[in-house]
PDB file of all heavy atoms in Angstrom:
ATOM      1  N   GLU A   1     296.182 -43.537 158.365  1.00  0.00           N
ATOM      2  CA  GLU A   1     295.526 -43.226 159.658  1.00  0.00           C
ATOM      3  C   GLU A   1     295.436 -41.656 159.731  1.00  0.00           C
ATOM      4  O   GLU A   1     296.160 -40.943 159.185  1.00  0.00           O
ATOM      5  CB  GLU A   1     296.505 -43.658 160.853  1.00  0.00           C
ATOM      6  CG  GLU A   1     296.711 -45.173 160.857  1.00  0.00           C
ATOM      7  CD  GLU A   1     297.538 -45.584 162.059  1.00  0.00           C
ATOM      8  OE1 GLU A   1     297.942 -44.693 162.881  1.00  0.00           O
ATOM      9  OE2 GLU A   1     298.008 -46.700 162.223  1.00  0.00           O
ATOM     10  N   GLY A   2     294.379 -41.335 160.440  1.00  0.00           N
ATOM     11  CA  GLY A   2     294.133 -39.887 160.829  1.00  0.00           C
ATOM     12  C   GLY A   2     294.081 -38.938 159.560  1.00  0.00           C
ATOM     13  O   GLY A   2     293.505 -39.357 158.525  1.00  0.00           O
ATOM     14  N   GLU A   3     294.533 -37.803 159.719  1.00  0.00           N
ATOM     15  CA  GLU A   3     294.552 -36.800 158.650  1.00  0.00           C
ATOM     16  C   GLU A   3     295.439 -37.186 157.500  1.00  0.00           C
ATOM     17  O   GLU A   3     295.276 -36.726 156.338  1.00  0.00           O
ATOM     18  CB  GLU A   3     294.863 -35.452 159.135  1.00  0.00           C
ATOM     19  CG  GLU A   3     296.399 -35.282 159.613  1.00  0.00           C
ATOM     20  CD  GLU A   3     296.647 -33.891 160.148  1.00  0.00           C
ATOM     21  OE1 GLU A   3     295.681 -33.082 160.248  1.00  0.00           O
ATOM     22  OE2 GLU A   3     297.840 -33.681 160.379  1.00  0.00           O
ATOM     23  N   HIS A   4     296.349 -38.058 157.679  1.00  0.00           N
ATOM     24  CA  HIS A   4     297.284 -38.563 156.668  1.00  0.00           C
ATOM     25  C   HIS A   4     296.747 -39.943 156.162  1.00  0.00           C
ATOM     26  O   HIS A   4     297.421 -40.949 156.057  1.00  0.00           O
ATOM     27  CB  HIS A   4     298.703 -38.809 157.138  1.00  0.00           C
ATOM     28  CG  HIS A   4     299.368 -37.512 157.673  1.00  0.00           C
ATOM     29  ND1 HIS A   4     299.367 -36.374 156.852  1.00  0.00           N
ATOM     30  CD2 HIS A   4     299.950 -37.131 158.810  1.00  0.00           C
ATOM     31  CE1 HIS A   4     299.941 -35.351 157.556  1.00  0.00           C
ATOM     32  NE2 HIS A   4     300.218 -35.856 158.751  1.00  0.00           N
ATOM     33  N   SER A   5     295.471 -39.927 155.809  1.00  0.00           N
ATOM     34  CA  SER A   5     294.736 -41.075 155.227  1.00  0.00           C
ATOM     35  C   SER A   5     293.994 -40.726 154.020  1.00  0.00           C
ATOM     36  O   SER A   5     293.678 -39.412 153.852  1.00  0.00           O
ATOM     37  CB  SER A   5     293.872 -41.725 156.318  1.00  0.00           C
ATOM     38  OG  SER A   5     292.812 -40.837 156.676  1.00  0.00           O
ATOM     39  N   LEU A   6     293.695 -41.626 153.220  1.00  0.00           N
ATOM     40  CA  LEU A   6     292.791 -41.500 152.073  1.00  0.00           C
ATOM     41  C   LEU A   6     291.484 -42.241 152.269  1.00  0.00           C
ATOM     42  O   LEU A   6     291.504 -43.421 152.582  1.00  0.00           O
ATOM     43  CB  LEU A   6     293.591 -42.127 150.892  1.00  0.00           C
ATOM     44  CG  LEU A   6     292.832 -42.105 149.508  1.00  0.00           C
ATOM     45  CD1 LEU A   6     292.557 -40.704 149.017  1.00  0.00           C
ATOM     46  CD2 LEU A   6     293.616 -42.853 148.469  1.00  0.00           C
ATOM     47  N   LEU A   7     290.418 -41.522 152.015  1.00  0.00           N
ATOM     48  CA  LEU A   7     289.095 -42.115 152.167  1.00  0.00           C
ATOM     49  C   LEU A   7     288.612 -42.417 150.697  1.00  0.00           C
ATOM     50  O   LEU A   7     288.531 -41.562 149.873  1.00  0.00           O
ATOM     51  CB  LEU A   7     288.071 -41.207 152.768  1.00  0.00           C
ATOM     52  CG  LEU A   7     288.235 -40.912 154.324  1.00  0.00           C
ATOM     53  CD1 LEU A   7     287.139 -39.992 154.785  1.00  0.00           C
ATOM     54  CD2 LEU A   7     288.472 -42.136 155.044  1.00  0.00           C
ATOM     55  N   ILE A   8     288.224 -43.703 150.518  1.00  0.00           N
ATOM     56  CA  ILE A   8     287.686 -44.050 149.177  1.00  0.00           C
ATOM     57  C   ILE A   8     286.242 -44.535 149.392  1.00  0.00           C
ATOM     58  O   ILE A   8     286.035 -45.491 150.191  1.00  0.00           O
ATOM     59  CB  ILE A   8     288.494 -45.144 148.513  1.00  0.00           C
ATOM     60  CG1 ILE A   8     289.902 -44.646 148.208  1.00  0.00           C
ATOM     61  CG2 ILE A   8     287.859 -45.596 147.232  1.00  0.00           C
ATOM     62  CD1 ILE A   8     290.952 -45.621 147.657  1.00  0.00           C
ATOM     63  N   VAL A   9     285.318 -43.870 148.697  1.00  0.00           N
ATOM     64  CA  VAL A   9     283.929 -44.168 148.944  1.00  0.00           C
ATOM     65  C   VAL A   9     283.346 -44.807 147.691  1.00  0.00           C
ATOM     66  O   VAL A   9     283.384 -44.246 146.593  1.00  0.00           O
ATOM     67  CB  VAL A   9     283.101 -42.941 149.277  1.00  0.00           C
ATOM     68  CG1 VAL A   9     281.634 -43.154 149.519  1.00  0.00           C
ATOM     69  CG2 VAL A   9     283.759 -42.109 150.420  1.00  0.00           C
ATOM     70  N   VAL A  10     282.832 -46.037 147.828  1.00  0.00           N
ATOM     71  CA  VAL A  10     282.285 -46.755 146.728  1.00  0.00           C
ATOM     72  C   VAL A  10     280.812 -46.659 146.796  1.00  0.00           C
ATOM     73  O   VAL A  10     280.237 -46.930 147.840  1.00  0.00           O
ATOM     74  CB  VAL A  10     282.723 -48.277 146.794  1.00  0.00           C
ATOM     75  CG1 VAL A  10     282.033 -49.106 145.718  1.00  0.00           C
ATOM     76  CG2 VAL A  10     284.235 -48.339 146.761  1.00  0.00           C
ATOM     77  N   LEU A  11     280.188 -46.203 145.688  1.00  0.00           N
ATOM     78  CA  LEU A  11     278.774 -45.863 145.677  1.00  0.00           C
ATOM     79  C   LEU A  11     277.994 -46.624 144.506  1.00  0.00           C
ATOM     80  O   LEU A  11     278.556 -46.914 143.507  1.00  0.00           O
ATOM     81  CB  LEU A  11     278.526 -44.374 145.409  1.00  0.00           C
ATOM     82  CG  LEU A  11     279.084 -43.366 146.474  1.00  0.00           C
ATOM     83  CD1 LEU A  11     279.083 -41.969 145.875  1.00  0.00           C
ATOM     84  CD2 LEU A  11     278.274 -43.477 147.713  1.00  0.00           C
ATOM     85  N   HIS A  12     276.735 -46.831 144.740  1.00  0.00           N
ATOM     86  CA  HIS A  12     275.771 -47.281 143.676  1.00  0.00           C
ATOM     87  C   HIS A  12     274.519 -46.493 144.022  1.00  0.00           C
ATOM     88  O   HIS A  12     273.713 -46.955 144.851  1.00  0.00           O
ATOM     89  CB  HIS A  12     275.663 -48.768 143.627  1.00  0.00           C
ATOM     90  CG  HIS A  12     274.863 -49.201 142.355  1.00  0.00           C
ATOM     91  ND1 HIS A  12     274.414 -50.425 142.168  1.00  0.00           N
ATOM     92  CD2 HIS A  12     274.435 -48.408 141.417  1.00  0.00           C
ATOM     93  CE1 HIS A  12     273.858 -50.547 141.116  1.00  0.00           C
ATOM     94  NE2 HIS A  12     273.731 -49.350 140.413  1.00  0.00           N
ATOM     95  N   LEU A  13     274.326 -45.336 143.458  1.00  0.00           N
ATOM     96  CA  LEU A  13     273.142 -44.452 143.791  1.00  0.00           C
ATOM     97  C   LEU A  13     271.898 -44.975 143.266  1.00  0.00           C
ATOM     98  O   LEU A  13     271.906 -45.725 142.156  1.00  0.00           O
ATOM     99  CB  LEU A  13     273.459 -43.071 143.400  1.00  0.00           C
ATOM    100  CG  LEU A  13     274.662 -42.276 144.039  1.00  0.00           C
ATOM    101  CD1 LEU A  13     274.720 -40.957 143.395  1.00  0.00           C
ATOM    102  CD2 LEU A  13     274.575 -42.333 145.480  1.00  0.00           C
ATOM    103  N   SER A  14     270.798 -44.538 143.849  1.00  0.00           N
ATOM    104  CA  SER A  14     269.495 -44.814 143.280  1.00  0.00           C
ATOM    105  C   SER A  14     269.194 -44.210 141.958  1.00  0.00           C
ATOM    106  O   SER A  14     269.935 -43.201 141.529  1.00  0.00           O
ATOM    107  CB  SER A  14     268.449 -44.451 144.306  1.00  0.00           C
ATOM    108  OG  SER A  14     268.480 -45.171 145.476  1.00  0.00           O
ATOM    109  N   LEU A  15     268.062 -44.597 141.370  1.00  0.00           N
ATOM    110  CA  LEU A  15     267.766 -43.904 140.026  1.00  0.00           C
ATOM    111  C   LEU A  15     266.921 -42.638 140.182  1.00  0.00           C
ATOM    112  O   LEU A  15     267.127 -41.651 139.375  1.00  0.00           O
ATOM    113  CB  LEU A  15     266.817 -44.857 139.217  1.00  0.00           C
ATOM    114  CG  LEU A  15     267.465 -46.224 138.839  1.00  0.00           C
ATOM    115  CD1 LEU A  15     266.489 -47.147 138.229  1.00  0.00           C
ATOM    116  CD2 LEU A  15     268.622 -45.892 137.790  1.00  0.00           C
ATOM    117  N   SER A  16     266.169 -42.459 141.274  1.00  0.00           N
ATOM    118  CA  SER A  16     265.389 -41.244 141.376  1.00  0.00           C
ATOM    119  C   SER A  16     266.176 -40.044 141.861  1.00  0.00           C
ATOM    120  O   SER A  16     267.111 -40.198 142.719  1.00  0.00           O
ATOM    121  CB  SER A  16     264.193 -41.466 142.305  1.00  0.00           C
ATOM    122  OG  SER A  16     264.652 -41.495 143.682  1.00  0.00           O
ATOM    123  N   ALA A  17     265.811 -38.928 141.408  1.00  0.00           N
ATOM    124  CA  ALA A  17     266.517 -37.659 141.819  1.00  0.00           C
ATOM    125  C   ALA A  17     266.357 -37.362 143.357  1.00  0.00           C
ATOM    126  O   ALA A  17     267.328 -36.980 143.956  1.00  0.00           O
ATOM    127  CB  ALA A  17     266.045 -36.482 140.991  1.00  0.00           C
ATOM    128  N   ARG A  18     265.210 -37.638 143.780  1.00  0.00           N
ATOM    129  CA  ARG A  18     264.956 -37.350 145.235  1.00  0.00           C
ATOM    130  C   ARG A  18     265.856 -38.183 146.130  1.00  0.00           C
ATOM    131  O   ARG A  18     266.506 -37.795 147.093  1.00  0.00           O
ATOM    132  CB  ARG A  18     263.476 -37.527 145.653  1.00  0.00           C
ATOM    133  CG  ARG A  18     263.132 -37.287 147.073  1.00  0.00           C
ATOM    134  CD  ARG A  18     261.722 -37.409 147.383  1.00  0.00           C
ATOM    135  NE  ARG A  18     260.886 -36.294 146.636  1.00  0.00           N
ATOM    136  CZ  ARG A  18     259.671 -36.130 146.699  1.00  0.00           C
ATOM    137  NH1 ARG A  18     258.876 -36.974 147.519  1.00  0.00           N
ATOM    138  NH2 ARG A  18     258.970 -35.211 146.133  1.00  0.00           N
ATOM    139  N   ALA A  19     265.873 -39.526 145.800  1.00  0.00           N
ATOM    140  CA  ALA A  19     266.688 -40.471 146.588  1.00  0.00           C
ATOM    141  C   ALA A  19     268.260 -40.069 146.403  1.00  0.00           C
ATOM    142  O   ALA A  19     268.945 -40.118 147.415  1.00  0.00           O
ATOM    143  CB  ALA A  19     266.423 -41.867 146.096  1.00  0.00           C
ATOM    144  N   GLN A  20     268.658 -39.694 145.226  1.00  0.00           N
ATOM    145  CA  GLN A  20     270.022 -39.334 144.985  1.00  0.00           C
ATOM    146  C   GLN A  20     270.360 -38.171 145.907  1.00  0.00           C
ATOM    147  O   GLN A  20     271.517 -38.063 146.543  1.00  0.00           O
ATOM    148  CB  GLN A  20     270.294 -39.006 143.604  1.00  0.00           C
ATOM    149  CG  GLN A  20     270.465 -40.261 142.675  1.00  0.00           C
ATOM    150  CD  GLN A  20     270.897 -39.949 141.324  1.00  0.00           C
ATOM    151  OE1 GLN A  20     271.290 -38.824 141.030  1.00  0.00           O
ATOM    152  NE2 GLN A  20     270.953 -40.924 140.480  1.00  0.00           N
ATOM    153  N   ASP A  21     269.569 -37.161 145.990  1.00  0.00           N
ATOM    154  CA  ASP A  21     269.752 -35.954 146.798  1.00  0.00           C
ATOM    155  C   ASP A  21     269.990 -36.389 148.244  1.00  0.00           C
ATOM    156  O   ASP A  21     270.902 -35.986 148.822  1.00  0.00           O
ATOM    157  CB  ASP A  21     268.593 -35.013 146.693  1.00  0.00           C
ATOM    158  CG  ASP A  21     268.504 -34.293 145.393  1.00  0.00           C
ATOM    159  OD1 ASP A  21     269.409 -34.300 144.632  1.00  0.00           O
ATOM    160  OD2 ASP A  21     267.371 -33.762 145.037  1.00  0.00           O
ATOM    161  N   ARG A  22     269.213 -37.344 148.794  1.00  0.00           N
ATOM    162  CA  ARG A  22     269.325 -37.670 150.174  1.00  0.00           C
ATOM    163  C   ARG A  22     270.619 -38.480 150.309  1.00  0.00           C
ATOM    164  O   ARG A  22     271.339 -38.305 151.304  1.00  0.00           O
ATOM    165  CB  ARG A  22     268.083 -38.571 150.551  1.00  0.00           C
ATOM    166  CG  ARG A  22     266.828 -37.826 150.598  1.00  0.00           C
ATOM    167  CD  ARG A  22     265.722 -38.762 151.021  1.00  0.00           C
ATOM    168  NE  ARG A  22     265.888 -39.320 152.407  1.00  0.00           N
ATOM    169  CZ  ARG A  22     265.270 -40.378 152.863  1.00  0.00           C
ATOM    170  NH1 ARG A  22     264.346 -41.011 152.039  1.00  0.00           N
ATOM    171  NH2 ARG A  22     265.528 -40.854 153.999  1.00  0.00           N
ATOM    172  N   GLN A  23     270.958 -39.300 149.459  1.00  0.00           N
ATOM    173  CA  GLN A  23     272.147 -40.181 149.477  1.00  0.00           C
ATOM    174  C   GLN A  23     273.422 -39.340 149.399  1.00  0.00           C
ATOM    175  O   GLN A  23     274.298 -39.613 150.138  1.00  0.00           O
ATOM    176  CB  GLN A  23     272.031 -41.245 148.328  1.00  0.00           C
ATOM    177  CG  GLN A  23     270.884 -42.206 148.594  1.00  0.00           C
ATOM    178  CD  GLN A  23     270.645 -43.065 147.376  1.00  0.00           C
ATOM    179  OE1 GLN A  23     271.254 -42.957 146.355  1.00  0.00           O
ATOM    180  NE2 GLN A  23     269.679 -43.987 147.505  1.00  0.00           N
ATOM    181  N   LEU A  24     273.435 -38.357 148.532  1.00  0.00           N
ATOM    182  CA  LEU A  24     274.672 -37.522 148.355  1.00  0.00           C
ATOM    183  C   LEU A  24     274.777 -36.589 149.623  1.00  0.00           C
ATOM    184  O   LEU A  24     275.910 -36.357 150.020  1.00  0.00           O
ATOM    185  CB  LEU A  24     274.531 -36.646 147.158  1.00  0.00           C
ATOM    186  CG  LEU A  24     274.774 -37.457 145.864  1.00  0.00           C
ATOM    187  CD1 LEU A  24     274.382 -36.637 144.646  1.00  0.00           C
ATOM    188  CD2 LEU A  24     276.139 -38.048 145.735  1.00  0.00           C
ATOM    189  N   ARG A  25     273.740 -36.147 150.306  1.00  0.00           N
ATOM    190  CA  ARG A  25     273.865 -35.449 151.473  1.00  0.00           C
ATOM    191  C   ARG A  25     274.395 -36.308 152.606  1.00  0.00           C
ATOM    192  O   ARG A  25     275.276 -35.903 153.417  1.00  0.00           O
ATOM    193  CB  ARG A  25     272.433 -34.924 151.953  1.00  0.00           C
ATOM    194  CG  ARG A  25     271.991 -33.729 151.164  1.00  0.00           C
ATOM    195  CD  ARG A  25     270.883 -32.933 151.900  1.00  0.00           C
ATOM    196  NE  ARG A  25     269.739 -33.720 152.146  1.00  0.00           N
ATOM    197  CZ  ARG A  25     268.645 -33.862 151.319  1.00  0.00           C
ATOM    198  NH1 ARG A  25     268.680 -33.192 150.127  1.00  0.00           N
ATOM    199  NH2 ARG A  25     267.700 -34.629 151.652  1.00  0.00           N
ATOM    200  N   TYR A  26     274.040 -37.533 152.605  1.00  0.00           N
ATOM    201  CA  TYR A  26     274.466 -38.476 153.565  1.00  0.00           C
ATOM    202  C   TYR A  26     276.042 -38.665 153.385  1.00  0.00           C
ATOM    203  O   TYR A  26     276.774 -38.652 154.389  1.00  0.00           O
ATOM    204  CB  TYR A  26     273.748 -39.810 153.465  1.00  0.00           C
ATOM    205  CG  TYR A  26     274.225 -40.866 154.443  1.00  0.00           C
ATOM    206  CD1 TYR A  26     273.474 -41.141 155.590  1.00  0.00           C
ATOM    207  CD2 TYR A  26     275.333 -41.671 154.207  1.00  0.00           C
ATOM    208  CE1 TYR A  26     273.832 -42.030 156.509  1.00  0.00           C
ATOM    209  CE2 TYR A  26     275.636 -42.641 155.160  1.00  0.00           C
ATOM    210  CZ  TYR A  26     274.936 -42.867 156.286  1.00  0.00           C
ATOM    211  OH  TYR A  26     275.333 -43.836 157.160  1.00  0.00           O
ATOM    212  N   VAL A  27     276.419 -38.902 152.142  1.00  0.00           N
ATOM    213  CA  VAL A  27     277.849 -39.196 151.784  1.00  0.00           C
ATOM    214  C   VAL A  27     278.673 -37.861 152.118  1.00  0.00           C
ATOM    215  O   VAL A  27     279.699 -38.009 152.629  1.00  0.00           O
ATOM    216  CB  VAL A  27     277.970 -39.489 150.318  1.00  0.00           C
ATOM    217  CG1 VAL A  27     279.449 -39.510 149.923  1.00  0.00           C
ATOM    218  CG2 VAL A  27     277.368 -40.893 150.068  1.00  0.00           C
ATOM    219  N   ARG A  28     278.137 -36.681 151.882  1.00  0.00           N
ATOM    220  CA  ARG A  28     278.855 -35.475 152.123  1.00  0.00           C
ATOM    221  C   ARG A  28     279.153 -35.331 153.604  1.00  0.00           C
ATOM    222  O   ARG A  28     280.344 -35.013 153.963  1.00  0.00           O
ATOM    223  CB  ARG A  28     278.062 -34.309 151.650  1.00  0.00           C
ATOM    224  CG  ARG A  28     278.843 -32.987 151.941  1.00  0.00           C
ATOM    225  CD  ARG A  28     278.040 -31.700 151.513  1.00  0.00           C
ATOM    226  NE  ARG A  28     278.936 -30.549 151.736  1.00  0.00           N
ATOM    227  CZ  ARG A  28     279.198 -29.642 150.921  1.00  0.00           C
ATOM    228  NH1 ARG A  28     278.660 -29.769 149.653  1.00  0.00           N
ATOM    229  NH2 ARG A  28     279.982 -28.634 151.175  1.00  0.00           N
ATOM    230  N   ASN A  29     278.248 -35.712 154.475  1.00  0.00           N
ATOM    231  CA  ASN A  29     278.382 -35.733 155.997  1.00  0.00           C
ATOM    232  C   ASN A  29     279.567 -36.554 156.359  1.00  0.00           C
ATOM    233  O   ASN A  29     280.236 -36.393 157.350  1.00  0.00           O
ATOM    234  CB  ASN A  29     277.173 -36.090 156.695  1.00  0.00           C
ATOM    235  CG  ASN A  29     276.175 -35.001 156.580  1.00  0.00           C
ATOM    236  OD1 ASN A  29     276.504 -33.839 156.393  1.00  0.00           O
ATOM    237  ND2 ASN A  29     274.897 -35.372 156.782  1.00  0.00           N
ATOM    238  N   LEU A  30     279.823 -37.707 155.514  1.00  0.00           N
ATOM    239  CA  LEU A  30     280.815 -38.639 155.919  1.00  0.00           C
ATOM    240  C   LEU A  30     282.314 -38.054 155.536  1.00  0.00           C
ATOM    241  O   LEU A  30     283.227 -38.420 156.204  1.00  0.00           O
ATOM    242  CB  LEU A  30     280.711 -39.898 155.173  1.00  0.00           C
ATOM    243  CG  LEU A  30     279.420 -40.820 155.479  1.00  0.00           C
ATOM    244  CD1 LEU A  30     279.371 -42.029 154.542  1.00  0.00           C
ATOM    245  CD2 LEU A  30     279.407 -41.236 156.916  1.00  0.00           C
ATOM    246  N   VAL A  31     282.398 -37.217 154.550  1.00  0.00           N
ATOM    247  CA  VAL A  31     283.669 -36.964 153.932  1.00  0.00           C
ATOM    248  C   VAL A  31     284.043 -35.440 153.915  1.00  0.00           C
ATOM    249  O   VAL A  31     285.284 -35.135 153.607  1.00  0.00           O
ATOM    250  CB  VAL A  31     283.802 -37.515 152.505  1.00  0.00           C
ATOM    251  CG1 VAL A  31     283.584 -38.982 152.432  1.00  0.00           C
ATOM    252  CG2 VAL A  31     282.839 -36.813 151.578  1.00  0.00           C
ATOM    253  N   GLU A  32     283.130 -34.545 154.151  1.00  0.00           N
ATOM    254  CA  GLU A  32     283.415 -33.176 153.685  1.00  0.00           C
ATOM    255  C   GLU A  32     284.540 -32.559 154.513  1.00  0.00           C
ATOM    256  O   GLU A  32     285.064 -31.468 154.078  1.00  0.00           O
ATOM    257  CB  GLU A  32     282.119 -32.343 153.926  1.00  0.00           C
ATOM    258  CG  GLU A  32     281.647 -32.225 155.329  1.00  0.00           C
ATOM    259  CD  GLU A  32     280.362 -31.257 155.373  1.00  0.00           C
ATOM    260  OE1 GLU A  32     280.288 -30.311 154.565  1.00  0.00           O
ATOM    261  OE2 GLU A  32     279.550 -31.559 156.170  1.00  0.00           O
ATOM    262  N   HIS A  33     284.968 -33.093 155.695  1.00  0.00           N
ATOM    263  CA  HIS A  33     286.006 -32.420 156.429  1.00  0.00           C
ATOM    264  C   HIS A  33     287.339 -33.121 156.271  1.00  0.00           C
ATOM    265  O   HIS A  33     288.302 -32.868 156.985  1.00  0.00           O
ATOM    266  CB  HIS A  33     285.664 -32.367 157.969  1.00  0.00           C
ATOM    267  CG  HIS A  33     284.380 -31.539 158.216  1.00  0.00           C
ATOM    268  ND1 HIS A  33     284.340 -30.189 157.845  1.00  0.00           N
ATOM    269  CD2 HIS A  33     283.184 -31.845 158.718  1.00  0.00           C
ATOM    270  CE1 HIS A  33     283.131 -29.734 158.210  1.00  0.00           C
ATOM    271  NE2 HIS A  33     282.490 -30.738 158.700  1.00  0.00           N
ATOM    272  N   HIS A  34     287.446 -34.172 155.422  1.00  0.00           N
ATOM    273  CA  HIS A  34     288.659 -34.877 155.144  1.00  0.00           C
ATOM    274  C   HIS A  34     289.316 -34.347 153.948  1.00  0.00           C
ATOM    275  O   HIS A  34     288.756 -34.073 152.935  1.00  0.00           O
ATOM    276  CB  HIS A  34     288.318 -36.300 154.966  1.00  0.00           C
ATOM    277  CG  HIS A  34     289.471 -37.209 155.193  1.00  0.00           C
ATOM    278  ND1 HIS A  34     289.898 -37.610 156.424  1.00  0.00           N
ATOM    279  CD2 HIS A  34     290.392 -37.811 154.283  1.00  0.00           C
ATOM    280  CE1 HIS A  34     291.001 -38.387 156.318  1.00  0.00           C
ATOM    281  NE2 HIS A  34     291.328 -38.525 155.040  1.00  0.00           N
ATOM    282  N   PRO A  35     290.721 -34.129 153.932  1.00  0.00           N
ATOM    283  CA  PRO A  35     291.346 -33.505 152.848  1.00  0.00           C
ATOM    284  C   PRO A  35     291.512 -34.399 151.572  1.00  0.00           C
ATOM    285  O   PRO A  35     291.672 -33.853 150.552  1.00  0.00           O
ATOM    286  CB  PRO A  35     292.840 -33.212 153.533  1.00  0.00           C
ATOM    287  CG  PRO A  35     292.973 -34.180 154.685  1.00  0.00           C
ATOM    288  CD  PRO A  35     291.598 -34.424 155.176  1.00  0.00           C
ATOM    289  N   TYR A  36     291.607 -35.747 151.803  1.00  0.00           N
ATOM    290  CA  TYR A  36     291.872 -36.595 150.733  1.00  0.00           C
ATOM    291  C   TYR A  36     290.721 -37.632 150.557  1.00  0.00           C
ATOM    292  O   TYR A  36     290.635 -38.610 151.391  1.00  0.00           O
ATOM    293  CB  TYR A  36     293.223 -37.380 150.936  1.00  0.00           C
ATOM    294  CG  TYR A  36     294.363 -36.436 151.240  1.00  0.00           C
ATOM    295  CD1 TYR A  36     295.004 -36.513 152.465  1.00  0.00           C
ATOM    296  CD2 TYR A  36     294.761 -35.449 150.350  1.00  0.00           C
ATOM    297  CE1 TYR A  36     296.019 -35.649 152.827  1.00  0.00           C
ATOM    298  CE2 TYR A  36     295.833 -34.609 150.698  1.00  0.00           C
ATOM    299  CZ  TYR A  36     296.437 -34.640 151.989  1.00  0.00           C
ATOM    300  OH  TYR A  36     297.456 -33.812 152.269  1.00  0.00           O
ATOM    301  N   VAL A  37     289.990 -37.457 149.520  1.00  0.00           N
ATOM    302  CA  VAL A  37     288.759 -38.285 149.293  1.00  0.00           C
ATOM    303  C   VAL A  37     288.693 -38.631 147.757  1.00  0.00           C
ATOM    304  O   VAL A  37     288.877 -37.858 146.931  1.00  0.00           O
ATOM    305  CB  VAL A  37     287.537 -37.542 149.690  1.00  0.00           C
ATOM    306  CG1 VAL A  37     286.250 -38.412 149.557  1.00  0.00           C
ATOM    307  CG2 VAL A  37     287.552 -37.147 151.100  1.00  0.00           C
ATOM    308  N   VAL A  38     288.201 -39.895 147.607  1.00  0.00           N
ATOM    309  CA  VAL A  38     287.839 -40.343 146.264  1.00  0.00           C
ATOM    310  C   VAL A  38     286.406 -40.851 146.310  1.00  0.00           C
ATOM    311  O   VAL A  38     285.985 -41.672 147.212  1.00  0.00           O
ATOM    312  CB  VAL A  38     288.723 -41.472 145.781  1.00  0.00           C
ATOM    313  CG1 VAL A  38     288.228 -42.041 144.460  1.00  0.00           C
ATOM    314  CG2 VAL A  38     290.229 -41.078 145.740  1.00  0.00           C
TER     315      VAL A  38
END
């Protein structure tokens, strides 16, 4: 729970570079302020 939690993000990214850029920006918004992420 809360800040004492671990976030694990399971991904299967697209093949194209443009789509990957968008997808990784999306994922970053989900996790960038959390201290423990996989």
